[in-house]
Structure formats: structure tokens, C-alpha cells
Amino acid sequence: MIRVRRAEERGHFDHGWLDTYHTFSFADYHDPDFMGFRSLRVINEDRVEAGRGFGTHGHRDMEIISYVLEGELGHGDSMGTGSAIRPGEVQRMSAGTGVMHSEKNASAMPVHFLQIWILPERHGITPSYEQKAFPASERENRLRLVASHDGRDGSLTIHQDVDLYTTTLRDGSVTFDFRPNRYGWLQVARGAVTLNGEELRAGDGAAIEKESQVTIAGDGEALLFDLN
């Protein structure tokens, strides 16, 4: 079964410096039908104007993944990390017992990124940070594992039984086989794809249940979550 969440159905707020869409309930946006999916709690699509950003604020007991599509996202935190995240790079921050951080546009153009929150397997994890680049060649017309519980295949390590894949399709297709009793979520970042024949466009998401296999095809960039 595939349940589609259309881009235009998401929560939307335009604050001038920040144009943001919420796939799931977040902050002042509440949709009782979309409080998250399995351990996936937040997918926000943000566009932040040059020179602007989120000032220092706190998080705890959450796995936070940032996936940049355009521009550069500057990051600083109370662990002493300072970095810029660019397209092709993925960042993971485990908030655990508590961390303060800031996120600002580090480029002269708007920065466009997805921020993803995943509920951790337990509370009280020691905060940590990780960032890696994944070459375009590893993502084109194939599924590239970018985050996993065990950090296999050079992926980021997250504290939850979730595998996160990304793919950039160029008139191509990829197929994924789910293990028994697993669930999926597909988020289209750019372009247009089909998911087992269901047409999806940028901003669309889809919950996947009781499907042993999915095929993603078309021209676009997408993230696939394999969830317990």
C-alpha cells in the first residue's frame, strides 16, 4: 500500500527570510493525520535567504539529518563543531542529552535544504556530529546508502534502525526490496518520479506499507527511508 502526501498539502509558512514546508506536524503546524511515520518525525523543506538563518537554539533526544540541495548551510554547535554543508554532503547530529546549535546560510544565494528528524532508539545518548560527502557518481541511477544504524558502506551512523538512501535518476530506475515487517517513506526532492507507477513530483512524499518491493523511475532526486 502506498499513501501519497502531496507537496501542496504540507504545512507552509513564508517568513520572508525563511520559506518552509512541513511534511509532518511541526511547531505551529498541526495535522493529526501526519504526526510522523514510524520513527520518522520531521521532514522540513527550507529555503533561507542569504545572510539569514536560525540563531542558537537547543535540541535533545533527536537524530537530526540535514540534506542540502542548493547553496551552503553553515553549522555551529556547543560541541565545538563549525562547518558548511554543501550539495552532495549529508550531516548527522545526535542531540542526545542536549546540544545547542545554529544554522545559517553560508552562501550568497538562498540555501535550499531538507531537515530530517528521526526519533532515537533510546534517550540520553551522548551528543555527536558527523558529516560526509557522497559523490554524484554513487547516486546516479542507483540507491546510495547515506545513513544507517551500523554505518555500513561508508554511511553516516544514526541511533535508530533506519536506512536512508538517496538517488538521482536520469531517465532511469532503481528497485528496492524490503525485508519482512519493514516500512518505507519516499520523499521527492527534485524533479518527477514514479513509485510503483504512482506519479510523484518535487515535495511529494509517500508512505510505503506491506510492499515487498518498490521501483522508482523517472528524472528526479529522491530520498528513500527503510524503517522498522
Protein backbone atom coordinates (compact mmCIF):
# COMPACT_ATOMS: atom_id res chain seq x y z
CA MET A 1 0.00 0.00 0.00
CA ILE A 2 1.28 3.44 -0.96
CA ARG A 3 -0.23 6.55 0.65
CA VAL A 4 0.78 9.80 -1.03
CA ARG A 5 1.35 13.10 0.78
CA ARG A 6 1.17 15.80 -1.90
CA ALA A 7 3.50 18.79 -1.75
CA GLU A 8 0.64 21.28 -1.68
CA GLU A 9 -0.96 19.51 1.29
CA ARG A 10 2.02 20.21 3.55
CA GLY A 11 2.13 22.95 6.12
CA HIS A 12 3.59 26.14 4.63
CA PHE A 13 4.94 29.31 6.21
CA ASP A 14 6.66 32.20 4.43
CA HIS A 15 8.54 34.34 6.94
CA GLY A 16 10.30 36.39 4.29
CA TRP A 17 13.82 35.21 5.13
CA LEU A 18 12.54 31.62 5.51
CA ASP A 19 10.17 29.78 3.18
CA THR A 20 9.37 26.45 4.81
CA TYR A 21 7.18 23.42 4.14
CA HIS A 22 6.38 20.79 6.78
CA THR A 23 5.55 17.25 5.67
CA PHE A 24 4.64 16.37 9.26
CA SER A 25 3.30 18.39 12.18
CA PHE A 26 5.95 20.83 13.37
CA ALA A 27 5.99 23.95 15.59
CA ASP A 28 2.76 25.90 14.89
CA TYR A 29 1.62 23.46 12.18
CA HIS A 30 -0.53 20.58 13.39
CA ASP A 31 -2.09 17.84 11.28
CA PRO A 32 -3.32 14.88 13.35
CA ASP A 33 -3.11 12.64 10.28
CA PHE A 34 0.58 13.44 9.75
CA MET A 35 2.37 13.43 13.09
CA GLY A 36 5.25 11.44 11.60
CA PHE A 37 5.71 7.98 10.16
CA ARG A 38 7.21 5.22 12.28
CA SER A 39 10.41 6.71 13.79
CA LEU A 40 10.49 9.45 11.11
CA ARG A 41 9.26 12.57 12.88
CA VAL A 42 10.12 15.62 10.72
CA ILE A 43 10.80 16.41 7.08
CA ASN A 44 11.05 20.17 6.59
CA GLU A 45 11.92 21.68 3.23
CA ASP A 46 13.54 25.06 3.92
CA ARG A 47 14.77 27.92 1.77
CA VAL A 48 16.78 30.51 3.71
CA GLU A 49 17.80 33.87 2.27
CA ALA A 50 21.47 34.88 2.09
CA GLY A 51 22.83 36.20 5.37
CA ARG A 52 19.93 34.81 7.41
CA GLY A 53 19.37 31.68 9.44
CA PHE A 54 18.38 30.06 12.71
CA GLY A 55 20.12 31.53 15.75
CA THR A 56 21.48 29.42 18.57
CA HIS A 57 18.83 27.07 19.94
CA GLY A 58 18.70 23.72 21.70
CA HIS A 59 17.71 20.14 20.87
CA ARG A 60 17.75 16.90 22.79
CA ASP A 61 16.93 13.23 22.17
CA MET A 62 16.66 13.51 18.39
CA GLU A 63 18.68 12.35 15.37
CA ILE A 64 18.85 15.35 13.02
CA ILE A 65 19.91 14.98 9.38
CA SER A 66 20.49 17.91 7.02
CA TYR A 67 20.47 17.31 3.25
CA VAL A 68 21.46 20.34 1.16
CA LEU A 69 20.09 20.75 -2.37
CA GLU A 70 21.44 24.22 -3.28
CA GLY A 71 23.75 26.73 -1.63
CA GLU A 72 25.67 26.19 1.61
CA LEU A 73 24.34 25.68 5.11
CA GLY A 74 26.62 26.90 7.89
CA HIS A 75 26.55 24.95 11.15
CA GLY A 76 27.96 25.67 14.59
CA ASP A 77 27.28 23.89 17.88
CA SER A 78 28.17 23.59 21.55
CA MET A 79 30.33 20.53 20.77
CA GLY A 80 32.76 22.87 19.03
CA THR A 81 31.76 21.89 15.50
CA GLY A 82 31.89 24.53 12.78
CA SER A 83 31.21 23.52 9.19
CA ALA A 84 29.48 24.29 5.91
CA ILE A 85 27.25 21.65 4.31
CA ARG A 86 27.08 21.66 0.52
CA PRO A 87 25.10 19.73 -2.11
CA GLY A 88 26.22 16.12 -2.11
CA GLU A 89 27.06 16.26 1.59
CA VAL A 90 24.90 14.92 4.41
CA GLN A 91 25.10 15.95 8.06
CA ARG A 92 24.01 14.00 11.12
CA MET A 93 23.75 15.48 14.59
CA SER A 94 22.69 13.33 17.54
CA ALA A 95 21.23 15.75 20.07
CA GLY A 96 21.04 13.16 22.84
CA THR A 97 21.40 14.66 26.32
CA GLY A 98 21.30 18.15 24.82
CA VAL A 99 23.13 20.34 22.34
CA MET A 100 22.96 23.99 21.29
CA HIS A 101 23.48 24.84 17.63
CA SER A 102 22.88 27.43 14.94
CA GLU A 103 22.24 27.10 11.20
CA LYS A 104 22.85 29.96 8.80
CA ASN A 105 23.04 30.50 5.08
CA ALA A 106 26.76 30.38 4.30
CA SER A 107 26.39 31.37 0.63
CA ALA A 108 25.42 34.42 -1.42
CA MET A 109 22.34 32.64 -2.79
CA PRO A 110 19.36 31.14 -0.98
CA VAL A 111 20.18 27.82 0.64
CA HIS A 112 17.67 25.06 -0.08
CA PHE A 113 17.76 22.02 2.16
CA LEU A 114 15.80 19.26 3.84
CA GLN A 115 15.97 18.89 7.60
CA ILE A 116 15.00 15.46 8.86
CA TRP A 117 14.36 14.37 12.44
CA ILE A 118 14.36 10.72 13.48
CA LEU A 119 13.40 9.53 16.95
CA PRO A 120 16.39 7.78 18.55
CA GLU A 121 16.32 4.22 19.84
CA ARG A 122 16.86 5.48 23.39
CA HIS A 123 17.13 8.71 25.37
CA GLY A 124 20.30 10.07 26.90
CA ILE A 125 22.74 9.40 24.06
CA THR A 126 25.99 11.37 24.18
CA PRO A 127 25.71 14.20 21.60
CA SER A 128 27.80 13.76 18.45
CA TYR A 129 28.25 15.11 14.94
CA GLU A 130 29.13 13.59 11.58
CA GLN A 131 29.28 14.91 8.02
CA LYS A 132 30.19 13.13 4.79
CA ALA A 133 30.23 13.77 1.04
CA PHE A 134 28.64 11.29 -1.33
CA PRO A 135 29.83 11.73 -4.95
CA ALA A 136 27.21 12.21 -7.65
CA SER A 137 28.50 9.13 -9.46
CA GLU A 138 27.50 6.98 -6.48
CA ARG A 139 23.93 8.31 -6.54
CA GLU A 140 23.13 8.48 -10.26
CA ASN A 141 20.61 5.81 -11.28
CA ARG A 142 21.40 3.86 -8.13
CA LEU A 143 20.46 3.90 -4.47
CA ARG A 144 23.28 5.14 -2.25
CA LEU A 145 23.09 4.39 1.46
CA VAL A 146 23.88 7.66 3.28
CA ALA A 147 22.77 6.86 6.86
CA SER A 148 22.28 3.62 8.76
CA HIS A 149 22.27 2.14 12.25
CA ASP A 150 25.62 0.40 11.74
CA GLY A 151 27.34 2.95 9.48
CA ARG A 152 27.95 0.32 6.81
CA ASP A 153 29.19 1.11 3.30
CA GLY A 154 30.63 4.41 4.47
CA SER A 155 27.26 5.82 5.55
CA LEU A 156 26.62 8.11 8.50
CA THR A 157 25.76 6.32 11.74
CA ILE A 158 22.37 7.05 13.32
CA HIS A 159 20.96 5.78 16.60
CA GLN A 160 17.88 4.11 15.16
CA ASP A 161 17.10 1.08 12.99
CA VAL A 162 16.65 3.17 9.85
CA ASP A 163 18.43 3.04 6.49
CA LEU A 164 18.36 6.23 4.44
CA TYR A 165 19.13 6.05 0.73
CA THR A 166 19.35 8.78 -1.87
CA THR A 167 19.21 8.57 -5.64
CA THR A 168 19.42 10.94 -8.59
CA LEU A 169 17.61 9.47 -11.58
CA ARG A 170 18.48 10.49 -15.14
CA ASP A 171 15.74 8.83 -17.17
CA GLY A 172 16.48 5.75 -15.10
CA SER A 173 15.05 3.46 -12.46
CA VAL A 174 16.05 1.70 -9.25
CA THR A 175 14.40 -1.17 -7.39
CA PHE A 176 14.45 -1.78 -3.65
CA ASP A 177 13.45 -4.95 -1.79
CA PHE A 178 12.07 -4.56 1.72
CA ARG A 179 12.77 -7.13 4.38
CA PRO A 180 9.69 -8.59 6.13
CA ASN A 181 7.88 -6.23 8.51
CA ARG A 182 9.66 -3.13 7.22
CA TYR A 183 8.13 0.16 6.12
CA GLY A 184 9.25 2.89 3.76
CA TRP A 185 8.91 6.57 3.11
CA LEU A 186 9.89 8.18 -0.20
CA GLN A 187 10.49 11.94 -0.34
CA VAL A 188 10.95 13.57 -3.74
CA ALA A 189 13.47 16.41 -3.50
CA ARG A 190 13.56 17.48 -7.16
CA GLY A 191 12.04 16.55 -10.50
CA ALA A 192 9.41 13.91 -11.06
CA VAL A 193 9.41 10.16 -10.47
CA THR A 194 7.02 7.25 -10.29
CA LEU A 195 6.81 4.92 -7.30
CA ASN A 196 5.38 1.57 -8.42
CA GLY A 197 3.62 3.56 -11.14
CA GLU A 198 2.31 6.31 -8.81
CA GLU A 199 3.33 9.73 -10.15
CA LEU A 200 5.17 11.95 -7.68
CA ARG A 201 6.71 15.41 -8.06
CA ALA A 202 9.08 17.57 -6.04
CA GLY A 203 7.81 17.96 -2.48
CA ASP A 204 5.60 14.88 -2.63
CA GLY A 205 6.11 12.10 -0.11
CA ALA A 206 4.72 8.60 0.14
CA ALA A 207 4.28 6.13 2.98
CA ILE A 208 5.02 2.55 1.94
CA GLU A 209 3.42 -0.34 3.83
CA LYS A 210 3.11 -4.05 3.07
CA GLU A 211 5.13 -3.74 -0.13
CA SER A 212 7.91 -6.27 -0.64
CA GLN A 213 9.45 -4.31 -3.50
CA VAL A 214 9.29 -0.81 -4.96
CA THR A 215 10.57 0.62 -8.22
CA ILE A 216 11.40 4.31 -8.51
CA ALA A 217 11.71 5.64 -12.06
CA GLY A 218 11.97 8.95 -13.91
CA ASP A 219 14.08 12.10 -13.76
CA GLY A 220 14.50 13.41 -10.25
CA GLU A 221 16.21 13.25 -6.88
CA ALA A 222 14.63 11.31 -4.04
CA LEU A 223 15.28 10.01 -0.54
CA LEU A 224 14.12 6.56 0.49
CA PHE A 225 13.75 5.63 4.17
CA ASP A 226 13.71 1.95 5.16
CA LEU A 227 12.08 1.92 8.61
CA ASN A 228 11.35 -0.67 11.28
